[in-house]
Protein backbone atom coordinates (compact mmCIF):
# COMPACT_ATOMS: atom_id res chain seq x y z
CA MET A 1 -7.94 -11.76 2.90
CA LYS A 2 -7.99 -11.06 -0.84
CA ILE A 3 -5.20 -8.81 -2.18
CA GLU A 4 -4.82 -7.62 -5.77
CA THR A 5 -1.27 -7.04 -7.03
CA TYR A 6 -0.56 -3.94 -9.13
CA ARG A 7 2.62 -3.54 -11.20
CA GLY A 8 3.74 -1.18 -13.92
CA LEU A 9 1.44 1.71 -14.80
CA ARG A 10 -1.38 0.34 -12.61
CA ILE A 11 0.48 1.51 -9.49
CA PHE A 12 -0.23 5.13 -10.43
CA ARG A 13 -4.00 4.64 -10.24
CA GLY A 14 -3.99 2.49 -7.12
CA LEU A 15 -7.26 2.88 -5.21
CA MET A 16 -8.43 6.05 -6.97
CA PHE A 17 -12.10 5.86 -7.99
CA SER A 18 -12.35 2.25 -6.80
CA LYS A 19 -14.51 0.37 -4.35
CA LYS A 20 -13.00 -0.84 -1.11
CA LYS A 21 -10.35 -3.48 -1.75
CA ASN A 22 -6.86 -4.44 -0.63
CA ILE A 23 -3.97 -3.92 -3.04
CA LEU A 24 -0.24 -4.53 -3.14
CA LEU A 25 1.76 -2.01 -5.15
CA VAL A 26 5.01 -3.47 -6.49
CA LEU A 27 7.28 -0.49 -7.09
CA PRO A 28 9.93 -0.59 -9.84
CA TYR A 29 12.75 -0.08 -7.32
CA GLU A 30 13.22 0.50 -3.60
CA HIS A 31 12.92 4.17 -2.60
CA LYS A 32 11.08 6.47 -0.18
CA ALA A 33 7.65 5.90 -1.64
CA SER A 34 5.05 8.66 -1.84
CA ILE A 35 1.35 7.86 -1.93
CA HIS A 36 -1.76 10.02 -2.01
CA THR A 37 -5.44 9.46 -1.41
CA PHE A 38 -6.88 11.91 -3.92
CA PHE A 39 -10.17 10.44 -5.15
CA VAL A 40 -9.98 7.60 -2.63
CA PHE A 41 -13.16 7.97 -0.59
CA PHE A 42 -12.42 5.62 2.30
CA PRO A 43 -9.65 5.32 4.92
CA PHE A 44 -7.07 2.54 4.74
CA THR A 45 -3.76 1.56 6.29
CA ALA A 46 -0.59 1.62 4.17
CA TYR A 47 2.16 -0.85 5.05
CA PHE A 48 5.55 -0.09 3.47
CA LEU A 49 7.87 -3.08 2.98
CA ASN A 50 11.46 -3.21 1.80
CA SER A 51 12.78 -5.65 -0.84
CA LYS A 52 13.20 -8.32 1.87
CA LYS A 53 9.48 -7.91 2.74
CA LYS A 54 10.35 -6.42 6.11
CA LEU A 55 7.89 -3.83 7.43
CA VAL A 56 9.65 -0.45 7.44
CA ASP A 57 6.73 1.99 7.90
CA THR A 58 2.97 2.11 8.51
CA GLN A 59 0.53 4.96 8.04
CA LYS A 60 -3.24 5.26 8.48
CA MET A 61 -4.48 7.19 5.47
CA LYS A 62 -7.61 9.33 5.22
CA PRO A 63 -9.12 10.63 1.96
CA PHE A 64 -7.30 13.46 0.16
CA ARG A 65 -3.98 13.20 2.00
CA VAL A 66 -0.32 12.71 0.94
CA TYR A 67 2.34 10.63 2.69
CA ARG A 68 5.98 9.71 2.03
CA SER A 69 7.52 6.67 3.71
CA LYS A 70 10.22 7.31 6.28
CA LYS A 71 12.43 4.55 4.89
CA PRO A 72 12.88 3.09 1.40
CA ALA A 73 10.19 0.62 0.30
CA LYS A 74 9.77 -1.79 -2.62
CA TYR A 75 6.16 -2.74 -1.80
CA VAL A 76 3.17 -0.81 -0.48
CA LEU A 77 0.31 -2.86 0.91
CA GLU A 78 -2.91 -0.83 1.13
CA VAL A 79 -5.47 -2.49 3.41
CA TYR A 80 -8.94 -1.04 3.92
CA GLU A 81 -10.11 -3.70 6.34
CA ASN A 82 -10.02 -2.63 9.95
CA LYS A 83 -7.58 -5.38 10.87
CA ARG A 84 -4.02 -5.22 12.05
CA LEU A 85 -1.93 -7.64 10.01
CA LYS A 86 0.06 -9.79 12.40
CA ASN A 87 1.84 -11.81 9.74
CA PHE A 88 1.43 -9.94 6.46
CA LYS A 89 3.96 -12.14 4.63
CA ASN A 90 1.38 -14.94 4.56
CA HIS A 91 -0.87 -12.64 2.53
CA LEU A 92 1.76 -11.67 -0.04
CA ASN A 93 1.99 -13.65 -3.23
CA ILE A 94 4.92 -11.96 -4.93
């Protein structure tokens, strides 16, 4: 699975106006992360990970929705593929 890593200002654009792809958002610090799907025209699954890369929350996202993680996260993995990640750490190159 190919995953693009976004840091800095790129995290604010995320998947908006893009084709289907998988991205990893590296947030500047660990906090309850908010994401939205405005101008994202396909569903995807968001995996929220803490600084130890432990899965702390998961949410299936549909276009034009907003979600805030239940627990603090340092990384947000947005996966459009209809696959459940069994061992997501193997896919992370941080």
